[in-house]
Amino acid sequence: RLAHTLIFAADHPRLAAFYAAVLGWPRTEPAEGFTIVGAPAAAGIAVHQAPPHALSAPPADAPLAWREDVALKPCFEVDDLDAGCAAVVAHGGATRPAWRWAARRYAECADPEGNVFQLSAPDAP
């Protein structure tokens, strides 16, 4: 079974707080620089502080750069897509306009470091 998806972070505390707030999942910090944001009864996210030579946090006033040149994109189901997207923006991320497919709504999102992920929710009847 999948235990978690690991995300290396330039700013570990900020990214761990972002995912916990956006997804509403509890978090634990089993070691310094390592936080697990856990989905109840499912796989979660592990946020790990990257070494300084590997990643650097963008300047606070820099526009968010979407990292779309990677092979993986985590996808999360939420109860309310509009509320999920609002939480993404409120906590320093970005979203693109939602779209519909097969009775669901989807939105492409980026966390504060530009890592791309997707939120989806059932389409309203």
N, C-alpha and C. Protein backbone atom coordinates (compact mmCIF):
# COMPACT_ATOMS: atom_id res chain seq x y z
N ARG A 1 0.84 -1.18 0.00
CA ARG A 1 0.00 0.00 0.00
C ARG A 1 0.87 1.23 0.00
N LEU A 2 0.36 2.31 -0.50
CA LEU A 2 1.09 3.57 -0.51
C LEU A 2 1.05 4.17 0.89
N ALA A 3 2.21 4.46 1.45
CA ALA A 3 2.28 5.04 2.78
C ALA A 3 2.11 6.56 2.71
N HIS A 4 2.87 7.21 1.84
CA HIS A 4 2.76 8.65 1.65
C HIS A 4 3.53 9.05 0.40
N THR A 5 3.28 10.24 -0.05
CA THR A 5 4.03 10.85 -1.15
C THR A 5 4.95 11.87 -0.52
N LEU A 6 6.23 11.80 -0.83
CA LEU A 6 7.23 12.70 -0.24
C LEU A 6 7.41 13.93 -1.12
N ILE A 7 7.38 15.09 -0.49
CA ILE A 7 7.63 16.35 -1.18
C ILE A 7 8.82 17.01 -0.51
N PHE A 8 9.87 17.26 -1.26
CA PHE A 8 11.01 17.99 -0.72
C PHE A 8 10.68 19.48 -0.75
N ALA A 9 10.97 20.17 0.33
CA ALA A 9 10.58 21.57 0.48
C ALA A 9 11.77 22.46 0.77
N ALA A 10 11.77 23.64 0.18
CA ALA A 10 12.76 24.65 0.52
C ALA A 10 12.40 25.26 1.87
N ASP A 11 11.10 25.42 2.13
CA ASP A 11 10.61 25.97 3.40
C ASP A 11 9.66 24.94 4.02
N HIS A 12 10.24 23.98 4.70
CA HIS A 12 9.49 22.85 5.27
C HIS A 12 8.31 23.28 6.16
N PRO A 13 8.50 24.17 7.14
CA PRO A 13 7.36 24.53 7.99
C PRO A 13 6.19 25.13 7.20
N ARG A 14 6.50 25.98 6.24
CA ARG A 14 5.45 26.63 5.46
C ARG A 14 4.68 25.60 4.61
N LEU A 15 5.40 24.69 3.96
CA LEU A 15 4.73 23.72 3.10
C LEU A 15 3.92 22.71 3.91
N ALA A 16 4.44 22.29 5.05
CA ALA A 16 3.69 21.36 5.90
C ALA A 16 2.40 22.03 6.39
N ALA A 17 2.49 23.28 6.80
CA ALA A 17 1.31 24.01 7.26
C ALA A 17 0.31 24.20 6.11
N PHE A 18 0.81 24.46 4.91
CA PHE A 18 -0.05 24.64 3.73
C PHE A 18 -0.91 23.40 3.49
N TYR A 19 -0.26 22.24 3.38
CA TYR A 19 -1.02 21.02 3.08
C TYR A 19 -1.97 20.64 4.21
N ALA A 20 -1.57 20.82 5.44
CA ALA A 20 -2.46 20.51 6.57
C ALA A 20 -3.70 21.41 6.52
N ALA A 21 -3.50 22.69 6.22
CA ALA A 21 -4.62 23.63 6.18
C ALA A 21 -5.53 23.38 4.98
N VAL A 22 -4.95 23.18 3.81
CA VAL A 22 -5.75 23.01 2.60
C VAL A 22 -6.54 21.70 2.64
N LEU A 23 -5.91 20.62 3.09
CA LEU A 23 -6.58 19.32 3.09
C LEU A 23 -7.33 19.03 4.39
N GLY A 24 -7.06 19.82 5.44
CA GLY A 24 -7.73 19.59 6.71
C GLY A 24 -7.30 18.31 7.39
N TRP A 25 -6.07 17.90 7.14
CA TRP A 25 -5.54 16.66 7.71
C TRP A 25 -4.64 16.97 8.90
N PRO A 26 -4.58 16.06 9.85
CA PRO A 26 -3.66 16.25 10.99
C PRO A 26 -2.22 16.06 10.54
N ARG A 27 -1.32 16.63 11.31
CA ARG A 27 0.10 16.46 10.98
C ARG A 27 0.88 16.06 12.22
N THR A 28 1.94 15.30 11.97
CA THR A 28 2.86 14.90 13.01
C THR A 28 4.27 15.16 12.51
N GLU A 29 5.17 15.46 13.43
CA GLU A 29 6.56 15.72 13.06
C GLU A 29 7.44 14.70 13.79
N PRO A 30 7.66 13.53 13.15
CA PRO A 30 8.45 12.49 13.81
C PRO A 30 9.94 12.82 13.92
N ALA A 31 10.41 13.79 13.14
CA ALA A 31 11.81 14.21 13.20
C ALA A 31 11.90 15.65 12.74
N GLU A 32 12.93 16.34 13.17
CA GLU A 32 13.11 17.72 12.74
C GLU A 32 13.25 17.77 11.21
N GLY A 33 12.51 18.67 10.60
CA GLY A 33 12.57 18.82 9.15
C GLY A 33 11.77 17.78 8.40
N PHE A 34 10.91 17.03 9.10
CA PHE A 34 10.13 15.97 8.46
C PHE A 34 8.74 15.95 9.09
N THR A 35 7.71 16.22 8.30
CA THR A 35 6.34 16.24 8.78
C THR A 35 5.49 15.33 7.93
N ILE A 36 4.64 14.56 8.57
CA ILE A 36 3.66 13.75 7.85
C ILE A 36 2.31 14.42 8.01
N VAL A 37 1.69 14.73 6.90
CA VAL A 37 0.34 15.27 6.87
C VAL A 37 -0.52 14.09 6.45
N GLY A 38 -1.28 13.56 7.41
CA GLY A 38 -1.94 12.28 7.20
C GLY A 38 -3.40 12.35 6.89
N ALA A 39 -3.78 11.66 5.84
CA ALA A 39 -5.18 11.48 5.51
C ALA A 39 -5.74 10.39 6.41
N PRO A 40 -6.88 10.61 7.02
CA PRO A 40 -7.45 9.56 7.86
C PRO A 40 -7.68 8.27 7.06
N ALA A 41 -7.08 7.18 7.53
CA ALA A 41 -7.22 5.85 6.92
C ALA A 41 -6.78 5.78 5.47
N ALA A 42 -5.84 6.62 5.08
CA ALA A 42 -5.35 6.61 3.69
C ALA A 42 -3.91 7.10 3.66
N ALA A 43 -3.33 7.06 2.49
CA ALA A 43 -1.97 7.57 2.32
C ALA A 43 -1.97 9.08 2.49
N GLY A 44 -0.88 9.62 2.98
CA GLY A 44 -0.77 11.06 3.19
C GLY A 44 0.40 11.64 2.44
N ILE A 45 0.87 12.76 2.95
CA ILE A 45 2.00 13.48 2.35
C ILE A 45 3.07 13.59 3.42
N ALA A 46 4.30 13.39 3.01
CA ALA A 46 5.43 13.63 3.90
C ALA A 46 6.19 14.82 3.33
N VAL A 47 6.37 15.85 4.13
CA VAL A 47 7.10 17.04 3.70
C VAL A 47 8.46 16.99 4.38
N HIS A 48 9.51 17.01 3.56
CA HIS A 48 10.88 16.85 4.06
C HIS A 48 11.71 18.07 3.65
N GLN A 49 12.42 18.63 4.61
CA GLN A 49 13.29 19.77 4.33
C GLN A 49 14.39 19.34 3.36
N ALA A 50 14.49 20.00 2.24
CA ALA A 50 15.53 19.71 1.26
C ALA A 50 16.83 20.38 1.70
N PRO A 51 17.97 19.80 1.35
CA PRO A 51 19.23 20.47 1.67
C PRO A 51 19.31 21.82 0.94
N PRO A 52 19.95 22.80 1.53
CA PRO A 52 20.01 24.14 0.92
C PRO A 52 20.56 24.15 -0.50
N HIS A 53 21.48 23.23 -0.81
CA HIS A 53 22.05 23.22 -2.16
C HIS A 53 21.07 22.64 -3.19
N ALA A 54 20.01 21.96 -2.74
CA ALA A 54 19.08 21.32 -3.66
C ALA A 54 17.92 22.23 -4.05
N LEU A 55 17.38 22.97 -3.10
CA LEU A 55 16.24 23.86 -3.34
C LEU A 55 16.44 25.15 -2.57
N SER A 56 15.96 26.22 -3.13
CA SER A 56 15.97 27.48 -2.38
C SER A 56 14.57 28.08 -2.48
N ALA A 57 14.12 28.65 -1.41
CA ALA A 57 12.80 29.27 -1.39
C ALA A 57 12.81 30.51 -2.28
N PRO A 58 11.75 30.69 -3.08
CA PRO A 58 11.68 31.90 -3.90
C PRO A 58 11.50 33.12 -3.01
N PRO A 59 11.93 34.29 -3.48
CA PRO A 59 11.70 35.50 -2.70
C PRO A 59 10.20 35.69 -2.44
N ALA A 60 9.86 36.24 -1.30
CA ALA A 60 8.46 36.39 -0.89
C ALA A 60 7.63 37.18 -1.90
N ASP A 61 8.25 38.15 -2.58
CA ASP A 61 7.50 38.98 -3.52
C ASP A 61 7.55 38.46 -4.95
N ALA A 62 8.18 37.31 -5.18
CA ALA A 62 8.27 36.75 -6.53
C ALA A 62 6.95 36.09 -6.92
N PRO A 63 6.56 36.21 -8.20
CA PRO A 63 5.34 35.51 -8.61
C PRO A 63 5.55 34.00 -8.50
N LEU A 64 4.48 33.29 -8.21
CA LEU A 64 4.54 31.84 -8.07
C LEU A 64 4.88 31.21 -9.42
N ALA A 65 5.90 30.38 -9.46
CA ALA A 65 6.29 29.67 -10.68
C ALA A 65 5.79 28.23 -10.58
N TRP A 66 4.88 27.85 -11.46
CA TRP A 66 4.32 26.49 -11.45
C TRP A 66 5.36 25.51 -11.96
N ARG A 67 5.64 24.46 -11.19
CA ARG A 67 6.59 23.41 -11.60
C ARG A 67 5.82 22.34 -12.37
N GLU A 68 5.69 22.55 -13.66
CA GLU A 68 4.91 21.63 -14.47
C GLU A 68 5.78 20.66 -15.27
N ASP A 69 7.07 20.68 -15.01
CA ASP A 69 7.99 19.83 -15.77
C ASP A 69 8.39 18.58 -15.00
N VAL A 70 7.47 18.08 -14.17
CA VAL A 70 7.73 16.86 -13.39
C VAL A 70 6.78 15.77 -13.84
N ALA A 71 7.12 14.54 -13.52
CA ALA A 71 6.35 13.39 -14.00
C ALA A 71 5.18 13.01 -13.10
N LEU A 72 5.08 13.57 -11.90
CA LEU A 72 4.02 13.20 -10.97
C LEU A 72 3.16 14.40 -10.59
N LYS A 73 1.88 14.13 -10.37
CA LYS A 73 0.98 15.17 -9.87
C LYS A 73 0.02 14.51 -8.89
N PRO A 74 0.14 14.80 -7.58
CA PRO A 74 -0.82 14.24 -6.62
C PRO A 74 -2.21 14.82 -6.87
N CYS A 75 -3.22 13.98 -6.70
CA CYS A 75 -4.60 14.40 -6.89
C CYS A 75 -5.37 14.09 -5.60
N PHE A 76 -6.08 15.09 -5.10
CA PHE A 76 -6.78 14.97 -3.83
C PHE A 76 -8.27 15.22 -4.03
N GLU A 77 -9.09 14.39 -3.41
CA GLU A 77 -10.53 14.60 -3.42
C GLU A 77 -10.93 15.42 -2.20
N VAL A 78 -11.75 16.43 -2.41
CA VAL A 78 -12.26 17.26 -1.33
C VAL A 78 -13.79 17.28 -1.43
N ASP A 79 -14.44 17.69 -0.36
CA ASP A 79 -15.91 17.74 -0.37
C ASP A 79 -16.44 18.94 -1.16
N ASP A 80 -15.71 20.05 -1.11
CA ASP A 80 -16.17 21.30 -1.73
C ASP A 80 -15.00 21.91 -2.49
N LEU A 81 -15.07 21.87 -3.81
CA LEU A 81 -13.95 22.36 -4.63
C LEU A 81 -13.72 23.85 -4.46
N ASP A 82 -14.79 24.64 -4.40
CA ASP A 82 -14.63 26.09 -4.25
C ASP A 82 -13.94 26.42 -2.93
N ALA A 83 -14.34 25.75 -1.85
CA ALA A 83 -13.70 25.99 -0.55
C ALA A 83 -12.24 25.52 -0.58
N GLY A 84 -11.97 24.40 -1.23
CA GLY A 84 -10.60 23.91 -1.34
C GLY A 84 -9.72 24.88 -2.09
N CYS A 85 -10.22 25.40 -3.21
CA CYS A 85 -9.44 26.37 -3.98
C CYS A 85 -9.22 27.67 -3.20
N ALA A 86 -10.23 28.10 -2.46
CA ALA A 86 -10.09 29.30 -1.63
C ALA A 86 -9.01 29.08 -0.57
N ALA A 87 -8.95 27.88 0.01
CA ALA A 87 -7.92 27.58 1.01
C ALA A 87 -6.54 27.57 0.38
N VAL A 88 -6.42 27.06 -0.83
CA VAL A 88 -5.13 27.06 -1.53
C VAL A 88 -4.62 28.49 -1.65
N VAL A 89 -5.45 29.38 -2.14
CA VAL A 89 -5.05 30.79 -2.33
C VAL A 89 -4.78 31.47 -1.00
N ALA A 90 -5.64 31.22 0.00
CA ALA A 90 -5.48 31.86 1.31
C ALA A 90 -4.18 31.47 2.00
N HIS A 91 -3.63 30.31 1.65
CA HIS A 91 -2.41 29.83 2.30
C HIS A 91 -1.19 29.93 1.39
N GLY A 92 -1.27 30.77 0.36
CA GLY A 92 -0.09 31.09 -0.44
C GLY A 92 0.09 30.32 -1.72
N GLY A 93 -0.90 29.51 -2.10
CA GLY A 93 -0.81 28.78 -3.36
C GLY A 93 -1.57 29.49 -4.46
N ALA A 94 -1.81 28.78 -5.56
CA ALA A 94 -2.53 29.35 -6.69
C ALA A 94 -3.39 28.26 -7.32
N THR A 95 -4.45 28.70 -8.00
CA THR A 95 -5.32 27.76 -8.71
C THR A 95 -5.59 28.28 -10.11
N ARG A 96 -5.99 27.37 -10.96
CA ARG A 96 -6.47 27.72 -12.30
C ARG A 96 -7.97 27.47 -12.33
N PRO A 97 -8.67 27.99 -13.32
CA PRO A 97 -10.13 27.82 -13.36
C PRO A 97 -10.54 26.34 -13.32
N ALA A 98 -11.60 26.07 -12.57
CA ALA A 98 -12.12 24.71 -12.44
C ALA A 98 -12.75 24.27 -13.76
N TRP A 99 -12.80 22.95 -13.95
CA TRP A 99 -13.42 22.36 -15.12
C TRP A 99 -14.18 21.11 -14.70
N ARG A 100 -15.07 20.64 -15.56
CA ARG A 100 -15.93 19.49 -15.25
C ARG A 100 -15.61 18.31 -16.16
N TRP A 101 -15.74 17.12 -15.58
CA TRP A 101 -15.63 15.89 -16.35
C TRP A 101 -16.23 14.75 -15.53
N ALA A 102 -17.07 13.96 -16.15
CA ALA A 102 -17.64 12.75 -15.55
C ALA A 102 -18.22 13.00 -14.15
N ALA A 103 -19.10 13.97 -14.04
CA ALA A 103 -19.81 14.28 -12.79
C ALA A 103 -18.89 14.75 -11.66
N ARG A 104 -17.72 15.29 -12.01
CA ARG A 104 -16.81 15.86 -11.00
C ARG A 104 -16.31 17.21 -11.51
N ARG A 105 -15.88 18.04 -10.57
CA ARG A 105 -15.20 19.30 -10.90
C ARG A 105 -13.75 19.14 -10.47
N TYR A 106 -12.85 19.72 -11.25
CA TYR A 106 -11.42 19.60 -11.02
C TYR A 106 -10.78 20.99 -11.08
N ALA A 107 -9.68 21.15 -10.36
CA ALA A 107 -8.89 22.38 -10.44
C ALA A 107 -7.41 22.03 -10.32
N GLU A 108 -6.63 22.59 -11.20
CA GLU A 108 -5.18 22.46 -11.11
C GLU A 108 -4.70 23.52 -10.13
N CYS A 109 -3.81 23.12 -9.22
CA CYS A 109 -3.35 24.02 -8.16
C CYS A 109 -1.84 23.94 -8.05
N ALA A 110 -1.25 24.92 -7.39
CA ALA A 110 0.18 24.90 -7.08
C ALA A 110 0.34 25.33 -5.63
N ASP A 111 1.24 24.64 -4.91
CA ASP A 111 1.52 25.02 -3.52
C ASP A 111 2.44 26.23 -3.52
N PRO A 112 2.78 26.80 -2.36
CA PRO A 112 3.60 28.02 -2.33
C PRO A 112 4.98 27.87 -2.97
N GLU A 113 5.47 26.64 -3.16
CA GLU A 113 6.76 26.45 -3.83
C GLU A 113 6.60 26.05 -5.29
N GLY A 114 5.35 26.08 -5.79
CA GLY A 114 5.10 25.82 -7.20
C GLY A 114 4.83 24.36 -7.56
N ASN A 115 4.85 23.46 -6.57
CA ASN A 115 4.54 22.05 -6.86
C ASN A 115 3.08 21.94 -7.28
N VAL A 116 2.84 21.28 -8.40
CA VAL A 116 1.50 21.17 -8.97
C VAL A 116 0.77 19.98 -8.37
N PHE A 117 -0.51 20.19 -8.06
CA PHE A 117 -1.39 19.12 -7.61
C PHE A 117 -2.79 19.43 -8.09
N GLN A 118 -3.69 18.48 -7.93
CA GLN A 118 -5.06 18.67 -8.40
C GLN A 118 -6.04 18.42 -7.26
N LEU A 119 -7.08 19.22 -7.20
CA LEU A 119 -8.21 19.01 -6.31
C LEU A 119 -9.41 18.63 -7.16
N SER A 120 -10.26 17.75 -6.63
CA SER A 120 -11.52 17.43 -7.31
C SER A 120 -12.60 17.19 -6.28
N ALA A 121 -13.84 17.38 -6.71
CA ALA A 121 -15.00 17.17 -5.85
C ALA A 121 -16.18 16.76 -6.73
N PRO A 122 -17.18 16.11 -6.13
CA PRO A 122 -18.37 15.78 -6.91
C PRO A 122 -19.01 17.05 -7.46
N ASP A 123 -19.52 16.96 -8.67
CA ASP A 123 -20.21 18.09 -9.28
C ASP A 123 -21.55 18.29 -8.58
N ALA A 124 -21.93 19.52 -8.38
CA ALA A 124 -23.22 19.80 -7.74
C ALA A 124 -24.34 19.34 -8.65
N PRO A 125 -25.40 18.77 -8.09
CA PRO A 125 -26.52 18.29 -8.94
C PRO A 125 -27.26 19.42 -9.60
